């Protein structure tokens, strides 16, 4: 919101429009949130629909899910706690990938190539980077809890994961932005080749999260686009080999 007001006040209508456009993909997550509310037995009223239109639907869902987690913990239902935590983490990760990541790329490009002294775009890019890194760490934390015999990692481990994700995402975004500054639209060719390689690689692994063939291909294509920036483990079992292959290709 601060970035939008900043560009509007300064008359930079191009960046103003692009920043608003970065909000549009986030409505896919808002739509999914509404469907989840209906699946939970909560009919979406006018107030709930208004919150989702204002991009506040996931915030309401997160707060309600955390409240459900607290109630489940009080009742001692470990399985219910884990299920509610999974809903929160997946929604946060979806919002970060659909909305925060495009916003981060845009604001980083503005800071590097257009307005190096821009304070508001710089702060907006930094906060977006931390938000995206935290969403990835929360998802990793949840997948760790799913493994039999694994306990919640200590705060020091979470902090190290956050620093690692922040550094990895920051360097990848900075590299793409610098490449775009020097070679303009050729960055889309590089990102496209990386996306195709990752999508074919995921298809070769026979990822069985989605049963239908059409949706399975779509899932691999979407995850391949995410792999341009970071690795997300979506398959059970040891992932050391897959991580090594991913970073070898990315490097």
C-alpha atoms as a PDB file:
ATOM      1  CA  UNK A   1       0.000   0.000   0.000  1.00  0.00           C
ATOM      2  CA  UNK A   2       2.849   2.400   0.816  1.00  0.00           C
ATOM      3  CA  UNK A   3       4.512   1.604  -2.503  1.00  0.00           C
ATOM      4  CA  UNK A   4       1.266   2.256  -4.402  1.00  0.00           C
ATOM      5  CA  UNK A   5       0.796   5.625  -2.662  1.00  0.00           C
ATOM      6  CA  UNK A   6       4.484   6.454  -3.242  1.00  0.00           C
ATOM      7  CA  UNK A   7       4.236   5.959  -7.013  1.00  0.00           C
ATOM      8  CA  UNK A   8       0.902   7.767  -7.211  1.00  0.00           C
ATOM      9  CA  UNK A   9       2.166  10.832  -5.340  1.00  0.00           C
ATOM     10  CA  UNK A  10       5.296  11.015  -7.483  1.00  0.00           C
ATOM     11  CA  UNK A  11       3.311  10.629 -10.697  1.00  0.00           C
ATOM     12  CA  UNK A  12       5.047   7.391 -11.710  1.00  0.00           C
ATOM     13  CA  UNK A  13       1.903   5.898 -13.168  1.00  0.00           C
ATOM     14  CA  UNK A  14       3.693   3.043 -14.918  1.00  0.00           C
ATOM     15  CA  UNK A  15       5.132   1.617 -11.710  1.00  0.00           C
ATOM     16  CA  UNK A  16       1.866   2.474  -9.949  1.00  0.00           C
ATOM     17  CA  UNK A  17      -0.088   0.313 -12.393  1.00  0.00           C
ATOM     18  CA  UNK A  18       2.391  -2.561 -12.271  1.00  0.00           C
ATOM     19  CA  UNK A  19       2.367  -2.578  -8.469  1.00  0.00           C
ATOM     20  CA  UNK A  20      -1.422  -2.821  -8.493  1.00  0.00           C
ATOM     21  CA  UNK A  21      -1.208  -5.575 -11.128  1.00  0.00           C
ATOM     22  CA  UNK A  22       0.929  -7.620  -8.724  1.00  0.00           C
ATOM     23  CA  UNK A  23      -2.119  -7.820  -6.457  1.00  0.00           C
ATOM     24  CA  UNK A  24      -4.239  -9.602  -9.077  1.00  0.00           C
ATOM     25  CA  UNK A  25      -2.682 -13.111  -8.786  1.00  0.00           C
ATOM     26  CA  UNK A  26      -3.342 -12.986  -5.047  1.00  0.00           C
ATOM     27  CA  UNK A  27      -7.066 -13.232  -5.734  1.00  0.00           C
ATOM     28  CA  UNK A  28      -6.560 -16.886  -6.658  1.00  0.00           C
ATOM     29  CA  UNK A  29      -5.563 -17.502  -3.051  1.00  0.00           C
ATOM     30  CA  UNK A  30      -8.522 -15.420  -1.890  1.00  0.00           C
ATOM     31  CA  UNK A  31     -10.865 -17.553  -4.012  1.00  0.00           C
ATOM     32  CA  UNK A  32      -9.384 -20.713  -2.544  1.00  0.00           C
ATOM     33  CA  UNK A  33      -9.876 -19.275   0.932  1.00  0.00           C
ATOM     34  CA  UNK A  34     -13.576 -18.661   0.212  1.00  0.00           C
ATOM     35  CA  UNK A  35     -13.972 -22.237  -1.051  1.00  0.00           C
ATOM     36  CA  UNK A  36     -12.300 -23.527   2.099  1.00  0.00           C
ATOM     37  CA  UNK A  37     -14.659 -21.469   4.228  1.00  0.00           C
ATOM     38  CA  UNK A  38     -17.599 -23.078   2.433  1.00  0.00           C
ATOM     39  CA  UNK A  39     -16.067 -26.533   2.836  1.00  0.00           C
ATOM     40  CA  UNK A  40     -15.742 -25.863   6.574  1.00  0.00           C
ATOM     41  CA  UNK A  41     -19.438 -25.097   6.772  1.00  0.00           C
ATOM     42  CA  UNK A  42     -19.190 -21.289   6.938  1.00  0.00           C
ATOM     43  CA  UNK A  43     -21.399 -19.653   4.324  1.00  0.00           C
ATOM     44  CA  UNK A  44     -19.541 -16.596   2.941  1.00  0.00           C
ATOM     45  CA  UNK A  45     -21.580 -13.500   3.773  1.00  0.00           C
ATOM     46  CA  UNK A  46     -21.171  -9.930   2.563  1.00  0.00           C
ATOM     47  CA  UNK A  47     -18.630  -9.085   5.265  1.00  0.00           C
ATOM     48  CA  UNK A  48     -16.480 -12.110   4.451  1.00  0.00           C
ATOM     49  CA  UNK A  49     -16.628 -11.418   0.713  1.00  0.00           C
ATOM     50  CA  UNK A  50     -15.655  -7.781   1.330  1.00  0.00           C
ATOM     51  CA  UNK A  51     -12.634  -8.892   3.346  1.00  0.00           C
ATOM     52  CA  UNK A  52     -11.505 -11.147   0.514  1.00  0.00           C
ATOM     53  CA  UNK A  53     -11.957  -8.368  -2.033  1.00  0.00           C
ATOM     54  CA  UNK A  54      -9.725  -6.183   0.146  1.00  0.00           C
ATOM     55  CA  UNK A  55      -7.070  -8.949   0.191  1.00  0.00           C
ATOM     56  CA  UNK A  56      -7.730  -9.564   3.898  1.00  0.00           C
ATOM     57  CA  UNK A  57      -9.364 -12.967   3.553  1.00  0.00           C
ATOM     58  CA  UNK A  58      -6.204 -14.932   4.279  1.00  0.00           C
ATOM     59  CA  UNK A  59      -5.521 -12.767   7.320  1.00  0.00           C
ATOM     60  CA  UNK A  60      -8.961 -13.671   8.701  1.00  0.00           C
ATOM     61  CA  UNK A  61      -8.422 -17.328   7.869  1.00  0.00           C
ATOM     62  CA  UNK A  62      -4.988 -17.314   9.500  1.00  0.00           C
ATOM     63  CA  UNK A  63      -6.384 -15.759  12.680  1.00  0.00           C
ATOM     64  CA  UNK A  64      -9.249 -18.252  12.761  1.00  0.00           C
ATOM     65  CA  UNK A  65      -6.930 -21.164  12.089  1.00  0.00           C
ATOM     66  CA  UNK A  66      -4.568 -20.093  14.867  1.00  0.00           C
ATOM     67  CA  UNK A  67      -7.563 -19.830  17.195  1.00  0.00           C
ATOM     68  CA  UNK A  68      -8.580 -23.357  16.181  1.00  0.00           C
ATOM     69  CA  UNK A  69      -5.015 -24.523  16.830  1.00  0.00           C
ATOM     70  CA  UNK A  70      -5.108 -23.051  20.332  1.00  0.00           C
ATOM     71  CA  UNK A  71      -8.444 -24.723  21.039  1.00  0.00           C
ATOM     72  CA  UNK A  72      -7.174 -28.034  19.678  1.00  0.00           C
ATOM     73  CA  UNK A  73      -4.034 -27.800  21.797  1.00  0.00           C
ATOM     74  CA  UNK A  74      -6.185 -27.163  24.841  1.00  0.00           C
ATOM     75  CA  UNK A  75      -8.195 -30.262  23.987  1.00  0.00           C
ATOM     76  CA  UNK A  76      -5.101 -32.361  23.388  1.00  0.00           C
ATOM     77  CA  UNK A  77      -5.899 -33.274  19.753  1.00  0.00           C
ATOM     78  CA  UNK A  78      -2.460 -33.534  18.139  1.00  0.00           C
ATOM     79  CA  UNK A  79      -3.825 -34.613  14.764  1.00  0.00           C
ATOM     80  CA  UNK A  80      -6.238 -31.716  14.621  1.00  0.00           C
ATOM     81  CA  UNK A  81      -3.482 -29.285  15.602  1.00  0.00           C
ATOM     82  CA  UNK A  82      -1.293 -30.565  12.770  1.00  0.00           C
ATOM     83  CA  UNK A  83      -4.125 -30.331  10.248  1.00  0.00           C
ATOM     84  CA  UNK A  84      -4.953 -26.759  11.217  1.00  0.00           C
ATOM     85  CA  UNK A  85      -1.283 -25.784  11.128  1.00  0.00           C
ATOM     86  CA  UNK A  86      -1.006 -27.275   7.658  1.00  0.00           C
ATOM     87  CA  UNK A  87      -3.903 -25.142   6.414  1.00  0.00           C
ATOM     88  CA  UNK A  88      -2.241 -21.988   7.737  1.00  0.00           C
ATOM     89  CA  UNK A  89       1.155 -22.816   6.217  1.00  0.00           C
ATOM     90  CA  UNK A  90      -0.202 -23.793   2.804  1.00  0.00           C
ATOM     91  CA  UNK A  91      -2.330 -20.659   2.527  1.00  0.00           C
ATOM     92  CA  UNK A  92       0.551 -18.434   3.560  1.00  0.00           C
ATOM     93  CA  UNK A  93       2.889 -20.098   1.049  1.00  0.00           C
ATOM     94  CA  UNK A  94       0.311 -19.801  -1.739  1.00  0.00           C
ATOM     95  CA  UNK A  95      -0.207 -16.114  -1.044  1.00  0.00           C
ATOM     96  CA  UNK A  96       3.551 -15.502  -0.928  1.00  0.00           C
ATOM     97  CA  UNK A  97       4.224 -17.236  -4.248  1.00  0.00           C
ATOM     98  CA  UNK A  98       1.306 -15.670  -6.102  1.00  0.00           C
ATOM     99  CA  UNK A  99       1.467 -12.128  -4.768  1.00  0.00           C
ATOM    100  CA  UNK A 100       4.574 -11.409  -2.690  1.00  0.00           C
ATOM    101  CA  UNK A 101       7.073 -12.858  -5.168  1.00  0.00           C
ATOM    102  CA  UNK A 102       5.958 -10.748  -8.184  1.00  0.00           C
ATOM    103  CA  UNK A 103       5.866  -7.672  -5.956  1.00  0.00           C
ATOM    104  CA  UNK A 104       9.391  -8.434  -4.723  1.00  0.00           C
ATOM    105  CA  UNK A 105      10.723  -8.735  -8.276  1.00  0.00           C
ATOM    106  CA  UNK A 106       9.102  -5.474  -9.330  1.00  0.00           C
ATOM    107  CA  UNK A 107      10.284  -3.421  -6.357  1.00  0.00           C
ATOM    108  CA  UNK A 108      13.782  -4.900  -6.548  1.00  0.00           C
ATOM    109  CA  UNK A 109      14.012  -3.900 -10.207  1.00  0.00           C
ATOM    110  CA  UNK A 110      12.894  -0.360  -9.351  1.00  0.00           C
ATOM    111  CA  UNK A 111      15.561  -0.069  -6.646  1.00  0.00           C
ATOM    112  CA  UNK A 112      18.357  -1.516  -8.792  1.00  0.00           C
ATOM    113  CA  UNK A 113      17.597  -0.114 -12.256  1.00  0.00           C
ATOM    114  CA  UNK A 114      15.332   2.911 -11.830  1.00  0.00           C
ATOM    115  CA  UNK A 115      15.570   4.635  -8.468  1.00  0.00           C
ATOM    116  CA  UNK A 116      18.533   3.434  -6.336  1.00  0.00           C
ATOM    117  CA  UNK A 117      17.722   6.039  -3.676  1.00  0.00           C
ATOM    118  CA  UNK A 118      14.068   5.028  -3.425  1.00  0.00           C
ATOM    119  CA  UNK A 119      13.407   4.372   0.257  1.00  0.00           C
ATOM    120  CA  UNK A 120       9.816   3.139   0.009  1.00  0.00           C
ATOM    121  CA  UNK A 121      10.466   0.628  -2.827  1.00  0.00           C
ATOM    122  CA  UNK A 122      13.552  -0.604  -0.978  1.00  0.00           C
ATOM    123  CA  UNK A 123      11.657  -1.162   2.271  1.00  0.00           C
ATOM    124  CA  UNK A 124       8.801  -2.784   0.366  1.00  0.00           C
ATOM    125  CA  UNK A 125      11.206  -5.165  -1.375  1.00  0.00           C
ATOM    126  CA  UNK A 126      12.922  -6.033   1.920  1.00  0.00           C
ATOM    127  CA  UNK A 127       9.667  -6.758   3.719  1.00  0.00           C
ATOM    128  CA  UNK A 128       8.449  -8.842   0.770  1.00  0.00           C
ATOM    129  CA  UNK A 129      11.675 -10.853   0.857  1.00  0.00           C
ATOM    130  CA  UNK A 130      11.272 -11.580   4.570  1.00  0.00           C
ATOM    131  CA  UNK A 131       7.608 -12.469   4.099  1.00  0.00           C
ATOM    132  CA  UNK A 132       8.402 -14.916   1.305  1.00  0.00           C
ATOM    133  CA  UNK A 133      11.272 -16.472   3.254  1.00  0.00           C
ATOM    134  CA  UNK A 134       9.101 -16.880   6.344  1.00  0.00           C
ATOM    135  CA  UNK A 135       6.349 -18.559   4.303  1.00  0.00           C
ATOM    136  CA  UNK A 136       8.883 -21.083   2.995  1.00  0.00           C
ATOM    137  CA  UNK A 137      10.280 -21.694   6.487  1.00  0.00           C
ATOM    138  CA  UNK A 138       6.788 -22.229   7.895  1.00  0.00           C
ATOM    139  CA  UNK A 139       6.045 -24.755   5.168  1.00  0.00           C
ATOM    140  CA  UNK A 140       9.336 -26.563   5.820  1.00  0.00           C
ATOM    141  CA  UNK A 141       8.535 -26.595   9.528  1.00  0.00           C
ATOM    142  CA  UNK A 142       5.157 -28.163   8.822  1.00  0.00           C
ATOM    143  CA  UNK A 143       6.576 -30.862   6.520  1.00  0.00           C
ATOM    144  CA  UNK A 144       9.161 -31.665   9.186  1.00  0.00           C
ATOM    145  CA  UNK A 145       6.389 -32.227  11.733  1.00  0.00           C
ATOM    146  CA  UNK A 146       4.690 -34.661   9.351  1.00  0.00           C
ATOM    147  CA  UNK A 147       7.630 -37.072   9.516  1.00  0.00           C
ATOM    148  CA  UNK A 148       7.251 -39.812  12.136  1.00  0.00           C
ATOM    149  CA  UNK A 149       9.301 -39.202  15.254  1.00  0.00           C
ATOM    150  CA  UNK A 150      10.223 -35.611  14.354  1.00  0.00           C
ATOM    151  CA  UNK A 151       9.681 -32.921  16.954  1.00  0.00           C
ATOM    152  CA  UNK A 152       9.342 -29.188  16.496  1.00  0.00           C
ATOM    153  CA  UNK A 153      12.835 -27.742  15.821  1.00  0.00           C
ATOM    154  CA  UNK A 154      14.200 -25.179  18.282  1.00  0.00           C
ATOM    155  CA  UNK A 155      14.139 -21.449  17.635  1.00  0.00           C
ATOM    156  CA  UNK A 156      17.826 -21.425  16.614  1.00  0.00           C
ATOM    157  CA  UNK A 157      17.095 -23.874  13.790  1.00  0.00           C
ATOM    158  CA  UNK A 158      14.128 -21.795  12.614  1.00  0.00           C
ATOM    159  CA  UNK A 159      16.320 -18.677  12.617  1.00  0.00           C
ATOM    160  CA  UNK A 160      19.032 -20.435  10.584  1.00  0.00           C
ATOM    161  CA  UNK A 161      16.424 -21.622   8.088  1.00  0.00           C
ATOM    162  CA  UNK A 162      15.053 -18.094   7.800  1.00  0.00           C
ATOM    163  CA  UNK A 163      18.531 -16.659   7.162  1.00  0.00           C
ATOM    164  CA  UNK A 164      19.263 -19.372   4.600  1.00  0.00           C
ATOM    165  CA  UNK A 165      15.995 -18.839   2.720  1.00  0.00           C
ATOM    166  CA  UNK A 166      16.413 -15.054   2.821  1.00  0.00           C
ATOM    167  CA  UNK A 167      19.956 -15.224   1.459  1.00  0.00           C
ATOM    168  CA  UNK A 168      19.054 -17.748  -1.223  1.00  0.00           C
ATOM    169  CA  UNK A 169      16.013 -15.821  -2.435  1.00  0.00           C
ATOM    170  CA  UNK A 170      17.793 -12.462  -2.187  1.00  0.00           C
ATOM    171  CA  UNK A 171      20.733 -13.548  -4.322  1.00  0.00           C
ATOM    172  CA  UNK A 172      18.471 -15.219  -6.903  1.00  0.00           C
ATOM    173  CA  UNK A 173      16.225 -12.167  -7.194  1.00  0.00           C
ATOM    174  CA  UNK A 174      19.228  -9.821  -7.358  1.00  0.00           C
ATOM    175  CA  UNK A 175      20.831 -11.911 -10.106  1.00  0.00           C
ATOM    176  CA  UNK A 176      17.653 -11.857 -12.195  1.00  0.00           C
ATOM    177  CA  UNK A 177      17.172  -8.124 -11.684  1.00  0.00           C
ATOM    178  CA  UNK A 178      20.772  -7.320 -12.662  1.00  0.00           C
ATOM    179  CA  UNK A 179      20.450  -9.560 -15.721  1.00  0.00           C
ATOM    180  CA  UNK A 180      17.228  -7.774 -16.680  1.00  0.00           C
ATOM    181  CA  UNK A 181      18.938  -4.407 -16.290  1.00  0.00           C
ATOM    182  CA  UNK A 182      21.768  -5.392 -18.638  1.00  0.00           C
ATOM    183  CA  UNK A 183      19.929  -7.540 -21.188  1.00  0.00           C
ATOM    184  CA  UNK A 184      16.333  -6.318 -20.875  1.00  0.00           C
ATOM    185  CA  UNK A 185      13.756  -8.865 -22.077  1.00  0.00           C
ATOM    186  CA  UNK A 186      16.349 -11.622 -22.527  1.00  0.00           C
ATOM    187  CA  UNK A 187      15.782 -12.393 -18.857  1.00  0.00           C
ATOM    188  CA  UNK A 188      12.471 -14.000 -19.859  1.00  0.00           C
ATOM    189  CA  UNK A 189      14.323 -16.367 -22.198  1.00  0.00           C
ATOM    190  CA  UNK A 190      16.695 -17.426 -19.411  1.00  0.00           C
ATOM    191  CA  UNK A 191      13.851 -17.857 -16.936  1.00  0.00           C
ATOM    192  CA  UNK A 192      11.836 -19.748 -19.551  1.00  0.00           C
ATOM    193  CA  UNK A 193      14.642 -22.250 -20.206  1.00  0.00           C
ATOM    194  CA  UNK A 194      15.050 -22.773 -16.455  1.00  0.00           C
ATOM    195  CA  UNK A 195      11.295 -23.258 -16.103  1.00  0.00           C
ATOM    196  CA  UNK A 196      11.169 -25.855 -18.892  1.00  0.00           C
ATOM    197  CA  UNK A 197      14.104 -27.795 -17.436  1.00  0.00           C
ATOM    198  CA  UNK A 198      12.555 -27.869 -13.978  1.00  0.00           C
ATOM    199  CA  UNK A 199       9.106 -28.829 -15.332  1.00  0.00           C
ATOM    200  CA  UNK A 200      10.507 -31.743 -17.341  1.00  0.00           C
ATOM    201  CA  UNK A 201      12.592 -32.802 -14.357  1.00  0.00           C
ATOM    202  CA  UNK A 202       9.525 -32.836 -12.117  1.00  0.00           C
ATOM    203  CA  UNK A 203       7.638 -34.836 -14.738  1.00  0.00           C
ATOM    204  CA  UNK A 204      10.461 -37.372 -14.890  1.00  0.00           C
ATOM    205  CA  UNK A 205      10.199 -37.857 -11.128  1.00  0.00           C
ATOM    206  CA  UNK A 206       6.553 -38.925 -11.489  1.00  0.00           C
ATOM    207  CA  UNK A 207       5.285 -36.625  -8.776  1.00  0.00           C
ATOM    208  CA  UNK A 208       2.077 -38.310  -7.601  1.00  0.00           C
ATOM    209  CA  UNK A 209       0.569 -35.573  -5.448  1.00  0.00           C
ATOM    210  CA  UNK A 210      -2.116 -34.903  -8.074  1.00  0.00           C
ATOM    211  CA  UNK A 211      -3.899 -37.967  -9.428  1.00  0.00           C
ATOM    212  CA  UNK A 212      -5.469 -36.646 -12.658  1.00  0.00           C
ATOM    213  CA  UNK A 213      -2.962 -36.508 -15.573  1.00  0.00           C
ATOM    214  CA  UNK A 214      -4.056 -33.039 -16.732  1.00  0.00           C
ATOM    215  CA  UNK A 215      -3.835 -31.541 -13.259  1.00  0.00           C
ATOM    216  CA  UNK A 216      -0.596 -33.401 -12.655  1.00  0.00           C
ATOM    217  CA  UNK A 217       0.992 -31.716 -15.678  1.00  0.00           C
ATOM    218  CA  UNK A 218      -0.368 -28.328 -14.616  1.00  0.00           C
ATOM    219  CA  UNK A 219       1.015 -28.845 -11.119  1.00  0.00           C
ATOM    220  CA  UNK A 220       4.465 -29.684 -12.494  1.00  0.00           C
ATOM    221  CA  UNK A 221       4.404 -26.592 -14.720  1.00  0.00           C
ATOM    222  CA  UNK A 222       3.454 -24.314 -11.827  1.00  0.00           C
ATOM    223  CA  UNK A 223       6.025 -25.843  -9.498  1.00  0.00           C
ATOM    224  CA  UNK A 224       8.638 -25.562 -12.252  1.00  0.00           C
ATOM    225  CA  UNK A 225       8.039 -21.805 -12.291  1.00  0.00           C
ATOM    226  CA  UNK A 226       8.551 -21.694  -8.524  1.00  0.00           C
ATOM    227  CA  UNK A 227      11.815 -23.607  -8.942  1.00  0.00           C
ATOM    228  CA  UNK A 228      13.246 -20.616 -10.801  1.00  0.00           C
ATOM    229  CA  UNK A 229      13.646 -19.028  -7.378  1.00  0.00           C
ATOM    230  CA  UNK A 230      13.757 -21.759  -4.751  1.00  0.00           C
ATOM    231  CA  UNK A 231      13.414 -25.479  -4.098  1.00  0.00           C
ATOM    232  CA  UNK A 232      10.300 -26.820  -2.384  1.00  0.00           C
ATOM    233  CA  UNK A 233      10.203 -30.479  -1.440  1.00  0.00           C
ATOM    234  CA  UNK A 234       6.792 -31.920  -2.313  1.00  0.00           C
ATOM    235  CA  UNK A 235       7.629 -35.618  -2.303  1.00  0.00           C
ATOM    236  CA  UNK A 236       7.976 -37.942   0.687  1.00  0.00           C
ATOM    237  CA  UNK A 237      11.250 -39.624   1.466  1.00  0.00           C
ATOM    238  CA  UNK A 238      14.873 -38.436   1.447  1.00  0.00           C
ATOM    239  CA  UNK A 239      15.402 -35.345  -0.683  1.00  0.00           C
ATOM    240  CA  UNK A 240      19.183 -34.967  -0.503  1.00  0.00           C
ATOM    241  CA  UNK A 241      19.755 -36.141  -4.088  1.00  0.00           C
ATOM    242  CA  UNK A 242      16.985 -33.950  -5.508  1.00  0.00           C
ATOM    243  CA  UNK A 243      18.281 -30.897  -3.661  1.00  0.00           C
ATOM    244  CA  UNK A 244      21.822 -31.546  -4.946  1.00  0.00           C
ATOM    245  CA  UNK A 245      20.561 -31.844  -8.542  1.00  0.00           C
ATOM    246  CA  UNK A 246      18.502 -28.681  -8.219  1.00  0.00           C
ATOM    247  CA  UNK A 247      21.351 -26.543  -6.897  1.00  0.00           C
ATOM    248  CA  UNK A 248      23.805 -28.009  -9.411  1.00  0.00           C
ATOM    249  CA  UNK A 249      21.544 -26.983 -12.312  1.00  0.00           C
ATOM    250  CA  UNK A 250      20.699 -23.617 -10.748  1.00  0.00           C
ATOM    251  CA  UNK A 251      24.315 -22.760 -10.108  1.00  0.00           C
END
